[in-house]
Amino acid sequence: MSKRSSSNVTVIFVTIVLLTTGIWIVRIISGQQLYMDQLTRAYVEELAGTNTYTIFRWITELGSGTFLIPFVVIMSMVLWRLFRDWLPAVVFGLGTLSSYGLNILIKQLVERERPSIFIAANAEGYSFPSGHAMIPMVCYGFLAYLLGKKIHSGKQAVVLQSVLALLIFLIGISRYVINVHYLTDVFAGFIFGFIFLMTLIHVYEWLCTKRNGSST
């Protein structure tokens, strides 16, 4: 497949995903139920009290504020030392914080109620999109991007990025498994998080280019 054909396929796919998400938002705001959520509710209700539920209850904590706040602070300092530069650390920290703010904003605009409230698992307030899907996508995703630049072995970089990608998926889907989000909340969180992550990477690369250009 040529680069042009590949680019066209990507544009079509992104367009379909964004249109689908837009339709979800319109239907949610109008008070309608989404077909995907209707089809998947019965399965998740059967998971309560199982070993699967217990495992995902622990996994979900890796996307909670209790874990992410100290993690971001520590990793920002690690990145500063690793790159010997403040820019990666600052963009990583501010990017993660900004994704949290954007998630809250979208939730306030859509105002979707959760399937259940679970305060101990940071599950209160509005539901769409899932913050545990969106924020880890930005946090761990940008971290994978930065660390990939420091790993000289291509295979090691792929392994690291694959592990973090799997972690992002598991944290997001954990919110569906423990029944504090609808499945569409999780998918929307992944979508918004990925868009924000790509924007953050482009901003970071632009800042690097601009700074390097002004220093020559």
N, C-alpha and C. Protein backbone atom coordinates (compact mmCIF):
# COMPACT_ATOMS: atom_id res chain seq x y z
N MET A 1 0.84 -1.20 0.00
CA MET A 1 0.00 0.00 0.00
C MET A 1 0.88 1.25 0.00
N SER A 2 0.58 2.20 -0.89
CA SER A 2 1.37 3.42 -0.98
C SER A 2 1.11 4.31 0.22
N LYS A 3 2.03 5.29 0.41
CA LYS A 3 1.87 6.21 1.54
C LYS A 3 0.58 7.02 1.40
N ARG A 4 0.24 7.37 0.14
CA ARG A 4 -0.97 8.17 -0.07
C ARG A 4 -2.22 7.36 0.27
N SER A 5 -2.24 6.09 -0.16
CA SER A 5 -3.38 5.22 0.14
C SER A 5 -3.51 5.00 1.64
N SER A 6 -2.34 4.76 2.29
CA SER A 6 -2.33 4.57 3.74
C SER A 6 -2.85 5.80 4.46
N SER A 7 -2.46 6.98 3.98
CA SER A 7 -2.92 8.23 4.59
C SER A 7 -4.42 8.40 4.42
N ASN A 8 -4.94 8.03 3.24
CA ASN A 8 -6.38 8.14 2.98
C ASN A 8 -7.17 7.21 3.90
N VAL A 9 -6.66 5.99 4.08
CA VAL A 9 -7.32 5.03 4.97
C VAL A 9 -7.35 5.57 6.40
N THR A 10 -6.24 6.17 6.82
CA THR A 10 -6.16 6.73 8.17
C THR A 10 -7.17 7.85 8.35
N VAL A 11 -7.27 8.73 7.35
CA VAL A 11 -8.22 9.86 7.42
C VAL A 11 -9.65 9.34 7.50
N ILE A 12 -9.97 8.34 6.69
CA ILE A 12 -11.32 7.77 6.69
C ILE A 12 -11.63 7.14 8.05
N PHE A 13 -10.66 6.39 8.59
CA PHE A 13 -10.85 5.74 9.89
C PHE A 13 -11.07 6.77 10.99
N VAL A 14 -10.24 7.80 11.02
CA VAL A 14 -10.36 8.84 12.05
C VAL A 14 -11.70 9.56 11.92
N THR A 15 -12.12 9.82 10.69
CA THR A 15 -13.39 10.49 10.46
C THR A 15 -14.56 9.65 11.00
N ILE A 16 -14.52 8.35 10.72
CA ILE A 16 -15.58 7.45 11.20
C ILE A 16 -15.61 7.43 12.73
N VAL A 17 -14.42 7.34 13.34
CA VAL A 17 -14.34 7.30 14.80
C VAL A 17 -14.91 8.58 15.41
N LEU A 18 -14.53 9.73 14.85
CA LEU A 18 -15.00 11.00 15.39
C LEU A 18 -16.50 11.18 15.18
N LEU A 19 -17.02 10.76 14.03
CA LEU A 19 -18.46 10.85 13.78
C LEU A 19 -19.22 9.95 14.74
N THR A 20 -18.70 8.74 14.97
CA THR A 20 -19.34 7.82 15.90
C THR A 20 -19.38 8.41 17.31
N THR A 21 -18.25 8.99 17.73
CA THR A 21 -18.19 9.61 19.06
C THR A 21 -19.16 10.78 19.16
N GLY A 22 -19.24 11.57 18.08
CA GLY A 22 -20.17 12.68 18.06
C GLY A 22 -21.62 12.22 18.18
N ILE A 23 -21.95 11.13 17.48
CA ILE A 23 -23.31 10.57 17.57
C ILE A 23 -23.59 10.09 18.98
N TRP A 24 -22.60 9.45 19.61
CA TRP A 24 -22.77 9.01 21.00
C TRP A 24 -23.11 10.19 21.89
N ILE A 25 -22.35 11.27 21.74
CA ILE A 25 -22.55 12.44 22.59
C ILE A 25 -23.96 13.02 22.40
N VAL A 26 -24.40 13.13 21.15
CA VAL A 26 -25.73 13.67 20.87
C VAL A 26 -26.81 12.79 21.49
N ARG A 27 -26.66 11.48 21.35
CA ARG A 27 -27.65 10.55 21.90
C ARG A 27 -27.66 10.59 23.44
N ILE A 28 -26.46 10.68 24.03
CA ILE A 28 -26.40 10.74 25.50
C ILE A 28 -27.06 12.00 26.02
N ILE A 29 -26.73 13.14 25.41
CA ILE A 29 -27.30 14.42 25.86
C ILE A 29 -28.82 14.44 25.70
N SER A 30 -29.31 13.76 24.66
CA SER A 30 -30.76 13.71 24.42
C SER A 30 -31.46 12.66 25.30
N GLY A 31 -30.68 11.97 26.14
CA GLY A 31 -31.27 11.03 27.07
C GLY A 31 -31.48 9.63 26.53
N GLN A 32 -30.92 9.32 25.38
CA GLN A 32 -31.09 7.99 24.79
C GLN A 32 -29.99 7.04 25.25
N GLN A 33 -30.30 5.76 25.27
CA GLN A 33 -29.31 4.75 25.61
C GLN A 33 -28.56 4.34 24.35
N LEU A 34 -27.30 3.99 24.51
CA LEU A 34 -26.48 3.57 23.37
C LEU A 34 -26.56 2.06 23.21
N TYR A 35 -26.65 1.61 21.95
CA TYR A 35 -26.83 0.19 21.68
C TYR A 35 -25.68 -0.65 22.24
N MET A 36 -24.45 -0.16 22.12
CA MET A 36 -23.31 -0.91 22.62
C MET A 36 -23.42 -1.14 24.12
N ASP A 37 -23.87 -0.14 24.84
CA ASP A 37 -24.00 -0.27 26.28
C ASP A 37 -25.13 -1.21 26.66
N GLN A 38 -26.22 -1.18 25.91
CA GLN A 38 -27.32 -2.09 26.17
C GLN A 38 -26.88 -3.55 25.98
N LEU A 39 -26.05 -3.79 24.97
CA LEU A 39 -25.61 -5.15 24.66
C LEU A 39 -24.59 -5.68 25.65
N THR A 40 -23.87 -4.78 26.34
CA THR A 40 -22.75 -5.22 27.19
C THR A 40 -23.04 -5.11 28.68
N ARG A 41 -24.20 -4.64 29.07
CA ARG A 41 -24.49 -4.47 30.50
C ARG A 41 -24.61 -5.81 31.22
N ALA A 42 -25.29 -6.76 30.60
CA ALA A 42 -25.55 -8.04 31.28
C ALA A 42 -24.26 -8.76 31.62
N TYR A 43 -23.28 -8.70 30.71
CA TYR A 43 -22.02 -9.42 30.94
C TYR A 43 -21.27 -8.85 32.13
N VAL A 44 -21.15 -7.53 32.21
CA VAL A 44 -20.34 -6.94 33.28
C VAL A 44 -20.99 -7.16 34.64
N GLU A 45 -22.30 -7.23 34.69
CA GLU A 45 -22.98 -7.45 35.96
C GLU A 45 -22.70 -8.84 36.52
N GLU A 46 -22.35 -9.78 35.64
CA GLU A 46 -22.03 -11.14 36.08
C GLU A 46 -20.62 -11.25 36.68
N LEU A 47 -19.78 -10.21 36.47
CA LEU A 47 -18.40 -10.25 36.94
C LEU A 47 -18.25 -9.87 38.41
N ALA A 48 -19.27 -9.27 38.99
CA ALA A 48 -19.18 -8.82 40.38
C ALA A 48 -18.85 -9.99 41.31
N GLY A 49 -17.82 -9.80 42.15
CA GLY A 49 -17.43 -10.81 43.11
C GLY A 49 -16.53 -11.91 42.58
N THR A 50 -16.18 -11.85 41.30
CA THR A 50 -15.31 -12.88 40.71
C THR A 50 -13.84 -12.48 40.86
N ASN A 51 -12.93 -13.42 40.56
CA ASN A 51 -11.49 -13.13 40.59
C ASN A 51 -11.13 -12.08 39.55
N THR A 52 -11.82 -12.12 38.43
CA THR A 52 -11.58 -11.11 37.38
C THR A 52 -11.88 -9.72 37.91
N TYR A 53 -12.97 -9.58 38.61
CA TYR A 53 -13.33 -8.29 39.21
C TYR A 53 -12.24 -7.83 40.17
N THR A 54 -11.77 -8.73 41.03
CA THR A 54 -10.75 -8.38 42.03
C THR A 54 -9.46 -7.90 41.36
N ILE A 55 -9.03 -8.61 40.32
CA ILE A 55 -7.80 -8.23 39.61
C ILE A 55 -7.93 -6.84 39.00
N PHE A 56 -9.06 -6.59 38.34
CA PHE A 56 -9.24 -5.29 37.69
C PHE A 56 -9.50 -4.18 38.71
N ARG A 57 -9.98 -4.56 39.89
CA ARG A 57 -10.14 -3.55 40.94
C ARG A 57 -8.78 -3.02 41.37
N TRP A 58 -7.74 -3.87 41.36
CA TRP A 58 -6.39 -3.42 41.67
C TRP A 58 -5.78 -2.65 40.50
N ILE A 59 -6.01 -3.12 39.29
CA ILE A 59 -5.46 -2.47 38.10
C ILE A 59 -5.98 -1.03 37.98
N THR A 60 -7.24 -0.82 38.32
CA THR A 60 -7.84 0.50 38.16
C THR A 60 -7.13 1.57 38.99
N GLU A 61 -6.47 1.15 40.08
CA GLU A 61 -5.77 2.11 40.94
C GLU A 61 -4.59 2.76 40.23
N LEU A 62 -4.05 2.11 39.19
CA LEU A 62 -2.92 2.68 38.44
C LEU A 62 -3.33 3.87 37.60
N GLY A 63 -4.63 4.11 37.53
CA GLY A 63 -5.12 5.29 36.82
C GLY A 63 -5.79 6.29 37.75
N SER A 64 -5.71 6.05 39.04
CA SER A 64 -6.34 6.94 40.02
C SER A 64 -5.44 8.12 40.34
N GLY A 65 -6.04 9.18 40.85
CA GLY A 65 -5.26 10.35 41.23
C GLY A 65 -4.30 10.05 42.36
N THR A 66 -4.69 9.15 43.25
CA THR A 66 -3.83 8.78 44.37
C THR A 66 -2.49 8.22 43.89
N PHE A 67 -2.54 7.47 42.80
CA PHE A 67 -1.31 6.90 42.24
C PHE A 67 -0.65 7.85 41.24
N LEU A 68 -1.44 8.46 40.35
CA LEU A 68 -0.87 9.24 39.25
C LEU A 68 -0.19 10.53 39.70
N ILE A 69 -0.72 11.18 40.72
CA ILE A 69 -0.12 12.46 41.14
C ILE A 69 1.34 12.27 41.59
N PRO A 70 1.63 11.38 42.55
CA PRO A 70 3.05 11.18 42.92
C PRO A 70 3.85 10.57 41.77
N PHE A 71 3.21 9.72 40.97
CA PHE A 71 3.91 9.11 39.84
C PHE A 71 4.38 10.17 38.84
N VAL A 72 3.50 11.10 38.52
CA VAL A 72 3.85 12.16 37.56
C VAL A 72 4.95 13.06 38.12
N VAL A 73 4.86 13.38 39.40
CA VAL A 73 5.88 14.23 40.03
C VAL A 73 7.25 13.53 39.98
N ILE A 74 7.28 12.26 40.37
CA ILE A 74 8.54 11.51 40.37
C ILE A 74 9.09 11.33 38.97
N MET A 75 8.23 10.96 38.02
CA MET A 75 8.69 10.74 36.65
C MET A 75 9.12 12.04 35.99
N SER A 76 8.53 13.15 36.37
CA SER A 76 8.98 14.44 35.84
C SER A 76 10.42 14.72 36.25
N MET A 77 10.73 14.42 37.50
CA MET A 77 12.11 14.60 37.97
C MET A 77 13.06 13.63 37.28
N VAL A 78 12.60 12.39 37.07
CA VAL A 78 13.41 11.39 36.37
C VAL A 78 13.68 11.84 34.93
N LEU A 79 12.65 12.34 34.26
CA LEU A 79 12.81 12.79 32.87
C LEU A 79 13.76 13.98 32.79
N TRP A 80 13.64 14.90 33.73
CA TRP A 80 14.53 16.07 33.76
C TRP A 80 15.99 15.60 33.85
N ARG A 81 16.24 14.65 34.72
CA ARG A 81 17.60 14.14 34.88
C ARG A 81 18.03 13.30 33.68
N LEU A 82 17.13 12.50 33.15
CA LEU A 82 17.45 11.62 32.04
C LEU A 82 17.80 12.40 30.77
N PHE A 83 17.00 13.43 30.49
CA PHE A 83 17.22 14.23 29.29
C PHE A 83 18.17 15.40 29.54
N ARG A 84 18.46 15.66 30.83
CA ARG A 84 19.24 16.85 31.21
C ARG A 84 18.61 18.11 30.60
N ASP A 85 17.30 18.15 30.69
CA ASP A 85 16.53 19.23 30.07
C ASP A 85 15.19 19.33 30.80
N TRP A 86 14.73 20.54 31.03
CA TRP A 86 13.47 20.73 31.75
C TRP A 86 12.25 20.55 30.86
N LEU A 87 12.41 20.71 29.55
CA LEU A 87 11.25 20.72 28.66
C LEU A 87 10.45 19.41 28.67
N PRO A 88 11.08 18.24 28.52
CA PRO A 88 10.29 16.99 28.56
C PRO A 88 9.52 16.82 29.87
N ALA A 89 10.18 17.18 30.98
CA ALA A 89 9.54 17.03 32.29
C ALA A 89 8.33 17.95 32.42
N VAL A 90 8.48 19.19 31.98
CA VAL A 90 7.39 20.16 32.10
C VAL A 90 6.22 19.80 31.19
N VAL A 91 6.51 19.43 29.95
CA VAL A 91 5.44 19.06 29.02
C VAL A 91 4.72 17.80 29.51
N PHE A 92 5.47 16.85 30.05
CA PHE A 92 4.87 15.63 30.59
C PHE A 92 3.93 15.96 31.75
N GLY A 93 4.40 16.76 32.69
CA GLY A 93 3.58 17.11 33.85
C GLY A 93 2.37 17.94 33.49
N LEU A 94 2.60 19.01 32.73
CA LEU A 94 1.49 19.89 32.35
C LEU A 94 0.52 19.20 31.40
N GLY A 95 1.05 18.33 30.55
CA GLY A 95 0.19 17.61 29.62
C GLY A 95 -0.77 16.68 30.35
N THR A 96 -0.25 15.96 31.34
CA THR A 96 -1.10 15.07 32.13
C THR A 96 -2.15 15.86 32.90
N LEU A 97 -1.72 16.96 33.51
CA LEU A 97 -2.65 17.81 34.25
C LEU A 97 -3.72 18.39 33.34
N SER A 98 -3.32 18.82 32.14
CA SER A 98 -4.27 19.40 31.19
C SER A 98 -5.29 18.38 30.72
N SER A 99 -4.85 17.12 30.57
CA SER A 99 -5.79 16.08 30.14
C SER A 99 -6.86 15.85 31.20
N TYR A 100 -6.47 15.99 32.46
CA TYR A 100 -7.44 15.88 33.56
C TYR A 100 -8.47 17.01 33.47
N GLY A 101 -7.98 18.22 33.24
CA GLY A 101 -8.88 19.37 33.12
C GLY A 101 -9.83 19.23 31.94
N LEU A 102 -9.32 18.74 30.81
CA LEU A 102 -10.16 18.56 29.63
C LEU A 102 -11.21 17.48 29.88
N ASN A 103 -10.81 16.42 30.57
CA ASN A 103 -11.76 15.35 30.88
C ASN A 103 -12.92 15.86 31.73
N ILE A 104 -12.60 16.66 32.73
CA ILE A 104 -13.63 17.24 33.60
C ILE A 104 -14.56 18.14 32.79
N LEU A 105 -13.98 18.92 31.87
CA LEU A 105 -14.77 19.84 31.05
C LEU A 105 -15.77 19.07 30.18
N ILE A 106 -15.30 18.03 29.52
CA ILE A 106 -16.19 17.24 28.66
C ILE A 106 -17.29 16.58 29.49
N LYS A 107 -16.92 16.06 30.67
CA LYS A 107 -17.92 15.44 31.54
C LYS A 107 -19.01 16.44 31.93
N GLN A 108 -18.61 17.67 32.23
CA GLN A 108 -19.58 18.69 32.63
C GLN A 108 -20.50 19.06 31.47
N LEU A 109 -19.98 19.00 30.26
CA LEU A 109 -20.78 19.33 29.08
C LEU A 109 -21.77 18.23 28.74
N VAL A 110 -21.34 16.97 28.87
CA VAL A 110 -22.19 15.84 28.48
C VAL A 110 -23.16 15.45 29.60
N GLU A 111 -22.67 15.48 30.86
CA GLU A 111 -23.50 15.20 32.04
C GLU A 111 -24.15 13.82 32.00
N ARG A 112 -23.37 12.80 31.77
CA ARG A 112 -23.91 11.43 31.79
C ARG A 112 -23.72 10.81 33.16
N GLU A 113 -24.78 10.23 33.69
CA GLU A 113 -24.71 9.58 34.99
C GLU A 113 -23.99 8.23 34.87
N ARG A 114 -23.31 7.83 35.92
CA ARG A 114 -22.60 6.55 35.94
C ARG A 114 -23.58 5.39 36.11
N PRO A 115 -23.14 4.18 35.70
CA PRO A 115 -23.96 3.00 35.98
C PRO A 115 -24.02 2.70 37.48
N SER A 116 -22.95 3.08 38.21
CA SER A 116 -22.94 2.92 39.66
C SER A 116 -21.86 3.82 40.25
N ILE A 117 -22.04 4.21 41.50
CA ILE A 117 -21.08 5.06 42.20
C ILE A 117 -20.22 4.19 43.11
N PHE A 118 -18.91 4.42 43.06
CA PHE A 118 -17.98 3.64 43.88
C PHE A 118 -16.87 4.60 44.31
N ILE A 119 -17.10 5.32 45.39
CA ILE A 119 -16.20 6.39 45.81
C ILE A 119 -14.79 5.88 46.08
N ALA A 120 -14.66 4.69 46.66
CA ALA A 120 -13.35 4.12 46.98
C ALA A 120 -12.51 3.89 45.73
N ALA A 121 -13.17 3.75 44.57
CA ALA A 121 -12.45 3.54 43.30
C ALA A 121 -12.46 4.82 42.46
N ASN A 122 -12.62 5.98 43.11
CA ASN A 122 -12.64 7.27 42.42
C ASN A 122 -13.73 7.33 41.36
N ALA A 123 -14.86 6.71 41.67
CA ALA A 123 -15.97 6.66 40.72
C ALA A 123 -17.16 7.45 41.26
N GLU A 124 -17.11 8.75 41.09
CA GLU A 124 -18.21 9.62 41.44
C GLU A 124 -18.23 10.77 40.44
N GLY A 125 -19.34 11.47 40.37
CA GLY A 125 -19.45 12.51 39.36
C GLY A 125 -19.92 11.91 38.04
N TYR A 126 -19.74 12.69 36.97
CA TYR A 126 -20.24 12.25 35.67
C TYR A 126 -19.35 11.18 35.05
N SER A 127 -19.88 10.54 34.00
CA SER A 127 -19.31 9.29 33.50
C SER A 127 -18.59 9.39 32.16
N PHE A 128 -19.00 10.30 31.27
CA PHE A 128 -18.51 10.31 29.89
C PHE A 128 -17.62 11.52 29.63
N PRO A 129 -16.37 11.30 29.18
CA PRO A 129 -15.68 10.03 28.96
C PRO A 129 -14.95 9.58 30.22
N SER A 130 -14.49 8.33 30.22
CA SER A 130 -13.78 7.80 31.38
C SER A 130 -12.44 8.49 31.56
N GLY A 131 -12.21 9.06 32.74
CA GLY A 131 -10.93 9.69 33.02
C GLY A 131 -9.82 8.66 33.13
N HIS A 132 -10.16 7.47 33.60
CA HIS A 132 -9.16 6.40 33.74
C HIS A 132 -8.72 5.86 32.38
N ALA A 133 -9.51 6.09 31.35
CA ALA A 133 -9.09 5.73 30.00
C ALA A 133 -8.34 6.89 29.34
N MET A 134 -8.80 8.09 29.57
CA MET A 134 -8.27 9.27 28.89
C MET A 134 -6.92 9.73 29.47
N ILE A 135 -6.86 9.90 30.78
CA ILE A 135 -5.66 10.47 31.40
C ILE A 135 -4.46 9.53 31.32
N PRO A 136 -4.60 8.22 31.65
CA PRO A 136 -3.46 7.32 31.46
C PRO A 136 -2.99 7.23 30.00
N MET A 137 -3.93 7.39 29.04
CA MET A 137 -3.52 7.40 27.64
C MET A 137 -2.51 8.52 27.41
N VAL A 138 -2.76 9.68 27.99
CA VAL A 138 -1.85 10.82 27.83
C VAL A 138 -0.59 10.62 28.66
N CYS A 139 -0.76 10.25 29.92
CA CYS A 139 0.37 10.12 30.85
C CYS A 139 1.34 9.02 30.40
N TYR A 140 0.84 7.79 30.33
CA TYR A 140 1.71 6.67 29.97
C TYR A 140 2.09 6.70 28.49
N GLY A 141 1.20 7.23 27.67
CA GLY A 141 1.50 7.33 26.24
C GLY A 141 2.64 8.29 25.96
N PHE A 142 2.61 9.46 26.58
CA PHE A 142 3.68 10.44 26.37
C PHE A 142 4.98 9.95 27.00
N LEU A 143 4.85 9.24 28.11
CA LEU A 143 6.04 8.66 28.74
C LEU A 143 6.68 7.63 27.82
N ALA A 144 5.86 6.80 27.18
CA ALA A 144 6.37 5.80 26.23
C ALA A 144 7.08 6.48 25.06
N TYR A 145 6.51 7.59 24.60
CA TYR A 145 7.11 8.36 23.50
C TYR A 145 8.47 8.91 23.91
N LEU A 146 8.56 9.48 25.09
CA LEU A 146 9.81 10.08 25.55
C LEU A 146 10.88 9.03 25.82
N LEU A 147 10.51 7.97 26.52
CA LEU A 147 11.48 6.93 26.84
C LEU A 147 11.96 6.21 25.58
N GLY A 148 11.08 6.12 24.58
CA GLY A 148 11.47 5.51 23.32
C GLY A 148 12.61 6.25 22.64
N LYS A 149 12.71 7.55 22.91
CA LYS A 149 13.79 8.35 22.34
C LYS A 149 15.14 8.05 23.01
N LYS A 150 15.08 7.52 24.22
CA LYS A 150 16.31 7.27 24.97
C LYS A 150 16.78 5.82 24.87
N ILE A 151 15.96 4.97 24.32
CA ILE A 151 16.33 3.56 24.18
C ILE A 151 16.93 3.34 22.79
N HIS A 152 18.17 2.91 22.74
CA HIS A 152 18.86 2.76 21.46
C HIS A 152 18.42 1.50 20.71
N SER A 153 18.00 0.48 21.44
CA SER A 153 17.55 -0.76 20.81
C SER A 153 16.11 -0.63 20.36
N GLY A 154 15.86 -0.84 19.08
CA GLY A 154 14.51 -0.75 18.55
C GLY A 154 13.58 -1.77 19.17
N LYS A 155 14.09 -2.99 19.39
CA LYS A 155 13.27 -4.04 19.98
C LYS A 155 12.87 -3.69 21.41
N GLN A 156 13.83 -3.15 22.17
CA GLN A 156 13.52 -2.78 23.56
C GLN A 156 12.49 -1.66 23.60
N ALA A 157 12.61 -0.73 22.68
CA ALA A 157 11.66 0.38 22.62
C ALA A 157 10.26 -0.14 22.32
N VAL A 158 10.16 -1.09 21.40
CA VAL A 158 8.86 -1.67 21.04
C VAL A 158 8.27 -2.42 22.22
N VAL A 159 9.10 -3.17 22.93
CA VAL A 159 8.63 -3.92 24.10
C VAL A 159 8.09 -2.96 25.16
N LEU A 160 8.86 -1.91 25.47
CA LEU A 160 8.44 -0.94 26.47
C LEU A 160 7.13 -0.28 26.08
N GLN A 161 7.04 0.17 24.82
CA GLN A 161 5.84 0.86 24.37
C GLN A 161 4.64 -0.07 24.32
N SER A 162 4.88 -1.35 24.00
CA SER A 162 3.79 -2.34 23.98
C SER A 162 3.27 -2.60 25.38
N VAL A 163 4.19 -2.69 26.36
CA VAL A 163 3.79 -2.91 27.75
C VAL A 163 2.96 -1.74 28.26
N LEU A 164 3.39 -0.53 27.96
CA LEU A 164 2.65 0.65 28.41
C LEU A 164 1.31 0.77 27.68
N ALA A 165 1.27 0.38 26.41
CA ALA A 165 0.00 0.39 25.67
C ALA A 165 -0.98 -0.60 26.28
N LEU A 166 -0.48 -1.78 26.66
CA LEU A 166 -1.33 -2.78 27.30
C LEU A 166 -1.82 -2.27 28.65
N LEU A 167 -0.95 -1.60 29.38
CA LEU A 167 -1.32 -1.04 30.68
C LEU A 167 -2.44 -0.01 30.52
N ILE A 168 -2.32 0.85 29.52
CA ILE A 168 -3.35 1.86 29.24
C ILE A 168 -4.69 1.18 28.97
N PHE A 169 -4.65 0.14 28.15
CA PHE A 169 -5.89 -0.58 27.81
C PHE A 169 -6.51 -1.22 29.04
N LEU A 170 -5.69 -1.87 29.86
CA LEU A 170 -6.20 -2.58 31.03
C LEU A 170 -6.79 -1.60 32.06
N ILE A 171 -6.13 -0.46 32.25
CA ILE A 171 -6.65 0.53 33.20
C ILE A 171 -8.00 1.03 32.71
N GLY A 172 -8.09 1.35 31.43
CA GLY A 172 -9.35 1.84 30.89
C GLY A 172 -10.46 0.82 31.00
N ILE A 173 -10.19 -0.40 30.56
CA ILE A 173 -11.24 -1.43 30.55
C ILE A 173 -11.61 -1.86 31.96
N SER A 174 -10.72 -1.61 32.92
CA SER A 174 -11.04 -1.95 34.32
C SER A 174 -12.26 -1.19 34.81
N ARG A 175 -12.49 0.00 34.27
CA ARG A 175 -13.62 0.80 34.72
C ARG A 175 -14.94 0.18 34.28
N TYR A 176 -14.91 -0.50 33.13
CA TYR A 176 -16.09 -1.23 32.67
C TYR A 176 -16.27 -2.50 33.51
N VAL A 177 -15.17 -3.20 33.78
CA VAL A 177 -15.24 -4.46 34.51
C VAL A 177 -15.78 -4.27 35.92
N ILE A 178 -15.37 -3.19 36.60
CA ILE A 178 -15.85 -2.97 37.97
C ILE A 178 -17.16 -2.17 37.99
N ASN A 179 -17.71 -1.95 36.80
CA ASN A 179 -19.07 -1.40 36.65
C ASN A 179 -19.23 0.03 37.15
N VAL A 180 -18.23 0.87 36.90
CA VAL A 180 -18.37 2.28 37.24
C VAL A 180 -18.40 3.17 35.99
N HIS A 181 -18.29 2.54 34.83
CA HIS A 181 -18.40 3.24 33.55
C HIS A 181 -19.07 2.32 32.54
N TYR A 182 -19.76 2.94 31.60
CA TYR A 182 -20.25 2.19 30.44
C TYR A 182 -19.08 1.95 29.50
N LEU A 183 -19.22 0.94 28.65
CA LEU A 183 -18.14 0.61 27.72
C LEU A 183 -17.87 1.77 26.77
N THR A 184 -18.90 2.50 26.36
CA THR A 184 -18.70 3.65 25.47
C THR A 184 -17.96 4.78 26.17
N ASP A 185 -18.10 4.89 27.49
CA ASP A 185 -17.32 5.87 28.25
C ASP A 185 -15.83 5.59 28.10
N VAL A 186 -15.49 4.29 28.20
CA VAL A 186 -14.10 3.87 28.11
C VAL A 186 -13.55 4.12 26.71
N PHE A 187 -14.29 3.70 25.68
CA PHE A 187 -13.84 3.90 24.30
C PHE A 187 -13.67 5.39 24.00
N ALA A 188 -14.61 6.20 24.47
CA ALA A 188 -14.52 7.64 24.24
C ALA A 188 -13.29 8.22 24.96
N GLY A 189 -13.01 7.70 26.16
CA GLY A 189 -11.81 8.14 26.88
C GLY A 189 -10.55 7.83 26.10
N PHE A 190 -10.49 6.63 25.51
CA PHE A 190 -9.34 6.26 24.69
C PHE A 190 -9.21 7.22 23.49
N ILE A 191 -10.34 7.51 22.86
CA ILE A 191 -10.32 8.36 21.66
C ILE A 191 -9.87 9.77 21.99
N PHE A 192 -10.51 10.38 22.98
CA PHE A 192 -10.12 11.75 23.37
C PHE A 192 -8.68 11.79 23.88
N GLY A 193 -8.30 10.76 24.63
CA GLY A 193 -6.94 10.71 25.16
C GLY A 193 -5.92 10.59 24.05
N PHE A 194 -6.21 9.76 23.04
CA PHE A 194 -5.27 9.59 21.92
C PHE A 194 -5.13 10.88 21.13
N ILE A 195 -6.24 11.56 20.88
CA ILE A 195 -6.18 12.84 20.16
C ILE A 195 -5.35 13.85 20.94
N PHE A 196 -5.58 13.91 22.25
CA PHE A 196 -4.82 14.84 23.09
C PHE A 196 -3.35 14.46 23.10
N LEU A 197 -3.06 13.16 23.16
CA LEU A 197 -1.67 12.68 23.17
C LEU A 197 -0.95 13.08 21.90
N MET A 198 -1.58 12.89 20.74
CA MET A 198 -0.96 13.26 19.47
C MET A 198 -0.72 14.76 19.40
N THR A 199 -1.68 15.53 19.93
CA THR A 199 -1.51 16.98 19.96
C THR A 199 -0.34 17.37 20.86
N LEU A 200 -0.23 16.70 22.01
CA LEU A 200 0.84 16.99 22.96
C LEU A 200 2.21 16.67 22.34
N ILE A 201 2.31 15.57 21.62
CA ILE A 201 3.56 15.20 20.98
C ILE A 201 3.95 16.23 19.92
N HIS A 202 2.98 16.66 19.13
CA HIS A 202 3.26 17.68 18.10
C HIS A 202 3.69 18.99 18.74
N VAL A 203 3.04 19.37 19.84
CA VAL A 203 3.43 20.61 20.54
C VAL A 203 4.85 20.49 21.07
N TYR A 204 5.16 19.34 21.66
CA TYR A 204 6.51 19.12 22.20
C TYR A 204 7.56 19.19 21.09
N GLU A 205 7.30 18.53 19.97
CA GLU A 205 8.25 18.54 18.86
C GLU A 205 8.40 19.94 18.28
N TRP A 206 7.29 20.69 18.24
CA TRP A 206 7.35 22.07 17.75
C TRP A 206 8.19 22.94 18.68
N LEU A 207 8.01 22.76 19.98
CA LEU A 207 8.81 23.54 20.94
C LEU A 207 10.30 23.19 20.82
N CYS A 208 10.59 21.90 20.63
CA CYS A 208 11.99 21.49 20.47
C CYS A 208 12.60 22.10 19.21
N THR A 209 11.85 22.07 18.11
CA THR A 209 12.32 22.62 16.85
C THR A 209 12.53 24.13 16.95
N LYS A 210 11.56 24.79 17.56
CA LYS A 210 11.65 26.25 17.69
C LYS A 210 12.82 26.64 18.58
N ARG A 211 13.03 25.90 19.67
CA ARG A 211 14.13 26.23 20.57
C ARG A 211 15.47 25.96 19.90
N ASN A 212 15.59 24.84 19.19
CA ASN A 212 16.84 24.52 18.48
C ASN A 212 17.13 25.52 17.38
N GLY A 213 16.05 25.99 16.72
CA GLY A 213 16.24 26.95 15.66
C GLY A 213 16.68 28.30 16.16
N SER A 214 16.16 28.70 17.32
CA SER A 214 16.54 29.99 17.88
C SER A 214 17.91 30.01 18.51
N SER A 215 18.44 28.78 18.79
CA SER A 215 19.76 28.70 19.44
C SER A 215 20.89 28.59 18.42
N THR A 216 20.56 28.45 17.13
CA THR A 216 21.60 28.36 16.12
C THR A 216 21.90 29.71 15.50
